[in-house]
N, C-alpha and C. Protein backbone atom coordinates (compact mmCIF):
# COMPACT_ATOMS: atom_id res chain seq x y z
N MET A 1 28.01 214.49 92.59
CA MET A 1 28.84 215.66 92.76
C MET A 1 28.72 216.21 94.18
N ARG A 2 27.50 216.24 94.71
CA ARG A 2 27.32 216.73 96.07
C ARG A 2 28.00 215.83 97.07
N SER A 3 27.97 214.52 96.81
CA SER A 3 28.61 213.60 97.76
C SER A 3 30.12 213.80 97.79
N ARG A 4 30.71 214.14 96.65
CA ARG A 4 32.15 214.38 96.60
C ARG A 4 32.49 215.62 97.41
N ALA A 5 31.70 216.68 97.24
CA ALA A 5 31.93 217.92 98.00
C ALA A 5 31.76 217.67 99.50
N LEU A 6 30.75 216.89 99.85
CA LEU A 6 30.54 216.56 101.26
C LEU A 6 31.69 215.74 101.81
N LEU A 7 32.19 214.81 101.02
CA LEU A 7 33.32 213.98 101.44
C LEU A 7 34.57 214.83 101.65
N ILE A 8 34.84 215.73 100.73
CA ILE A 8 36.02 216.60 100.85
C ILE A 8 35.89 217.50 102.07
N THR A 9 34.71 218.08 102.25
CA THR A 9 34.47 218.95 103.40
C THR A 9 34.64 218.18 104.70
N SER A 10 34.14 216.96 104.74
CA SER A 10 34.28 216.13 105.93
C SER A 10 35.74 215.79 106.21
N ALA A 11 36.48 215.48 105.15
CA ALA A 11 37.89 215.15 105.31
C ALA A 11 38.67 216.35 105.86
N VAL A 12 38.41 217.52 105.29
CA VAL A 12 39.10 218.73 105.75
C VAL A 12 38.74 219.01 107.20
N ALA A 13 37.46 218.90 107.53
CA ALA A 13 37.03 219.13 108.91
C ALA A 13 37.68 218.13 109.86
N GLY A 14 37.78 216.88 109.43
CA GLY A 14 38.42 215.86 110.27
C GLY A 14 39.88 216.15 110.52
N VAL A 15 40.56 216.60 109.49
CA VAL A 15 41.98 216.93 109.64
C VAL A 15 42.14 218.12 110.57
N ILE A 16 41.28 219.11 110.38
CA ILE A 16 41.36 220.30 111.23
C ILE A 16 41.09 219.94 112.68
N MET A 17 40.11 219.09 112.90
CA MET A 17 39.76 218.70 114.27
C MET A 17 40.85 217.84 114.91
N SER A 18 41.61 217.10 114.09
CA SER A 18 42.65 216.24 114.65
C SER A 18 43.99 216.95 114.81
N THR A 19 44.09 218.18 114.31
CA THR A 19 45.31 218.96 114.44
C THR A 19 45.50 219.36 115.90
N PRO A 20 46.67 219.12 116.45
CA PRO A 20 46.90 219.51 117.85
C PRO A 20 46.73 221.02 118.03
N LEU A 21 46.16 221.40 119.15
CA LEU A 21 45.92 222.82 119.40
C LEU A 21 47.20 223.62 119.50
N SER A 22 48.31 222.97 119.79
CA SER A 22 49.57 223.69 119.91
C SER A 22 50.02 224.26 118.57
N SER A 23 49.53 223.71 117.45
CA SER A 23 49.94 224.22 116.15
C SER A 23 49.07 225.38 115.69
N VAL A 24 48.02 225.70 116.43
CA VAL A 24 47.13 226.79 116.08
C VAL A 24 47.68 228.08 116.69
N PRO A 25 47.90 229.10 115.87
CA PRO A 25 48.42 230.35 116.41
C PRO A 25 47.48 230.97 117.43
N ALA A 26 48.04 231.77 118.34
CA ALA A 26 47.24 232.38 119.39
C ALA A 26 46.18 233.31 118.81
N ALA A 27 46.53 234.02 117.76
CA ALA A 27 45.55 234.88 117.11
C ALA A 27 44.53 234.00 116.39
N GLY A 28 43.31 234.46 116.30
CA GLY A 28 42.26 233.68 115.66
C GLY A 28 42.55 233.42 114.20
N GLN A 29 41.97 232.36 113.68
CA GLN A 29 42.16 232.01 112.28
C GLN A 29 40.88 232.29 111.53
N SER A 30 41.03 232.71 110.31
CA SER A 30 39.87 232.89 109.47
C SER A 30 39.44 231.51 108.96
N ALA A 31 38.25 231.43 108.46
CA ALA A 31 37.76 230.17 107.88
C ALA A 31 38.64 229.75 106.71
N ARG A 32 39.11 230.73 105.95
CA ARG A 32 39.96 230.42 104.80
C ARG A 32 41.28 229.82 105.27
N GLU A 33 41.86 230.39 106.32
CA GLU A 33 43.13 229.88 106.83
C GLU A 33 42.95 228.47 107.39
N ALA A 34 41.84 228.22 108.05
CA ALA A 34 41.57 226.88 108.56
C ALA A 34 41.45 225.88 107.41
N GLU A 35 40.82 226.30 106.33
CA GLU A 35 40.69 225.44 105.16
C GLU A 35 42.07 225.15 104.56
N ILE A 36 42.92 226.16 104.49
CA ILE A 36 44.27 225.98 103.96
C ILE A 36 45.06 225.02 104.84
N ILE A 37 44.93 225.17 106.15
CA ILE A 37 45.62 224.26 107.08
C ILE A 37 45.18 222.82 106.84
N GLY A 38 43.88 222.64 106.63
CA GLY A 38 43.37 221.30 106.37
C GLY A 38 43.93 220.71 105.09
N PHE A 39 43.95 221.50 104.02
CA PHE A 39 44.50 221.02 102.76
C PHE A 39 46.00 220.75 102.88
N HIS A 40 46.70 221.59 103.65
CA HIS A 40 48.14 221.36 103.84
C HIS A 40 48.38 220.03 104.56
N ALA A 41 47.58 219.75 105.57
CA ALA A 41 47.73 218.49 106.30
C ALA A 41 47.46 217.29 105.39
N LEU A 42 46.41 217.39 104.57
CA LEU A 42 46.12 216.30 103.63
C LEU A 42 47.23 216.15 102.60
N CYS A 43 47.76 217.26 102.15
CA CYS A 43 48.86 217.24 101.18
C CYS A 43 50.08 216.56 101.78
N GLU A 44 50.39 216.86 103.03
CA GLU A 44 51.52 216.23 103.72
C GLU A 44 51.34 214.73 103.83
N ARG A 45 50.10 214.26 103.82
CA ARG A 45 49.81 212.83 103.90
C ARG A 45 49.77 212.17 102.51
N GLY A 46 50.04 212.95 101.46
CA GLY A 46 50.15 212.38 100.13
C GLY A 46 48.95 212.59 99.22
N ASP A 47 47.97 213.38 99.61
CA ASP A 47 46.80 213.63 98.78
C ASP A 47 47.13 214.72 97.76
N LYS A 48 47.31 214.31 96.49
CA LYS A 48 47.73 215.25 95.46
C LYS A 48 46.67 216.30 95.15
N ARG A 49 45.41 215.92 95.22
CA ARG A 49 44.35 216.90 94.99
C ARG A 49 44.37 217.98 96.07
N ALA A 50 44.64 217.58 97.30
CA ALA A 50 44.73 218.54 98.39
C ALA A 50 45.90 219.49 98.16
N CYS A 51 47.00 218.97 97.61
CA CYS A 51 48.15 219.83 97.31
C CYS A 51 47.78 220.89 96.28
N VAL A 52 47.02 220.48 95.27
CA VAL A 52 46.59 221.43 94.25
C VAL A 52 45.67 222.48 94.86
N GLN A 53 44.69 222.05 95.64
CA GLN A 53 43.78 222.99 96.29
C GLN A 53 44.53 223.93 97.22
N PHE A 54 45.50 223.40 97.95
CA PHE A 54 46.32 224.21 98.84
C PHE A 54 47.02 225.32 98.04
N GLY A 55 47.63 224.96 96.94
CA GLY A 55 48.31 225.95 96.09
C GLY A 55 47.37 226.98 95.52
N ILE A 56 46.19 226.54 95.11
CA ILE A 56 45.20 227.46 94.57
C ILE A 56 44.77 228.47 95.62
N LEU A 57 44.49 228.00 96.83
CA LEU A 57 44.05 228.90 97.89
C LEU A 57 45.13 229.90 98.27
N ILE A 58 46.37 229.45 98.32
CA ILE A 58 47.48 230.37 98.61
C ILE A 58 47.56 231.42 97.50
N GLY A 59 47.46 230.98 96.25
CA GLY A 59 47.56 231.90 95.12
C GLY A 59 46.42 232.89 95.04
N GLU A 60 45.22 232.49 95.45
CA GLU A 60 44.06 233.36 95.38
C GLU A 60 44.09 234.47 96.43
N ASN A 61 44.84 234.29 97.47
CA ASN A 61 44.84 235.23 98.59
C ASN A 61 46.17 235.96 98.70
N ARG A 62 46.51 236.67 97.65
CA ARG A 62 47.79 237.37 97.60
C ARG A 62 47.95 238.41 98.69
N GLU A 63 46.86 239.05 99.07
CA GLU A 63 46.95 240.11 100.09
C GLU A 63 47.32 239.57 101.46
N ARG A 64 47.08 238.28 101.71
CA ARG A 64 47.41 237.68 103.01
C ARG A 64 48.68 236.84 102.95
N ARG A 65 49.25 236.69 101.77
CA ARG A 65 50.39 235.79 101.60
C ARG A 65 51.57 236.14 102.49
N ASP A 66 51.92 237.42 102.63
CA ASP A 66 53.06 237.81 103.47
C ASP A 66 52.80 237.47 104.93
N GLU A 67 51.58 237.69 105.37
CA GLU A 67 51.20 237.34 106.74
C GLU A 67 51.33 235.83 106.97
N TRP A 68 50.83 235.05 106.02
CA TRP A 68 50.91 233.59 106.14
C TRP A 68 52.36 233.11 106.07
N ARG A 69 53.16 233.78 105.25
CA ARG A 69 54.58 233.39 105.11
C ARG A 69 55.29 233.52 106.45
N ARG A 70 54.94 234.56 107.22
CA ARG A 70 55.55 234.73 108.55
C ARG A 70 55.00 233.72 109.55
N ALA A 71 53.69 233.47 109.49
CA ALA A 71 53.03 232.61 110.48
C ALA A 71 53.21 231.12 110.19
N HIS A 72 53.35 230.75 108.92
CA HIS A 72 53.40 229.33 108.53
C HIS A 72 54.54 229.10 107.54
N ARG A 73 55.73 229.15 108.02
CA ARG A 73 56.90 229.00 107.14
C ARG A 73 56.91 227.66 106.41
N GLU A 74 56.32 226.63 107.03
CA GLU A 74 56.33 225.30 106.40
C GLU A 74 55.48 225.27 105.12
N TRP A 75 54.56 226.20 104.96
CA TRP A 75 53.76 226.25 103.73
C TRP A 75 54.59 226.70 102.54
N PHE A 76 55.66 227.44 102.81
CA PHE A 76 56.45 228.06 101.75
C PHE A 76 57.86 227.44 101.68
N TRP A 77 57.94 226.15 101.89
CA TRP A 77 59.23 225.44 101.89
C TRP A 77 59.96 225.63 100.57
N PHE A 78 59.22 225.77 99.47
CA PHE A 78 59.83 225.89 98.15
C PHE A 78 60.52 227.22 97.96
N GLU A 79 60.28 228.19 98.84
CA GLU A 79 60.92 229.50 98.74
C GLU A 79 62.15 229.62 99.64
N ALA A 80 62.50 228.55 100.34
CA ALA A 80 63.64 228.59 101.28
C ALA A 80 64.90 228.99 100.52
N ARG A 81 65.64 229.88 101.14
CA ARG A 81 66.87 230.37 100.47
C ARG A 81 68.09 229.90 101.18
């Protein structure tokens, strides 16, 4: 179980580290937002578990959702009108 958590953490860290700096907003990111960005990147590459984790993290942080919706429109593609 610990090895799985370590593997997931390493994968998320790798994705975050490989993300071009131009996609990082000028304002600082919280650790939670960095984690969400990592899961979003993995989800875009086809990792279904990352997609589920991404959705869970978005859902758990309702107070920040409006802020994220403005900053990361690609996360909310399903709400496009």
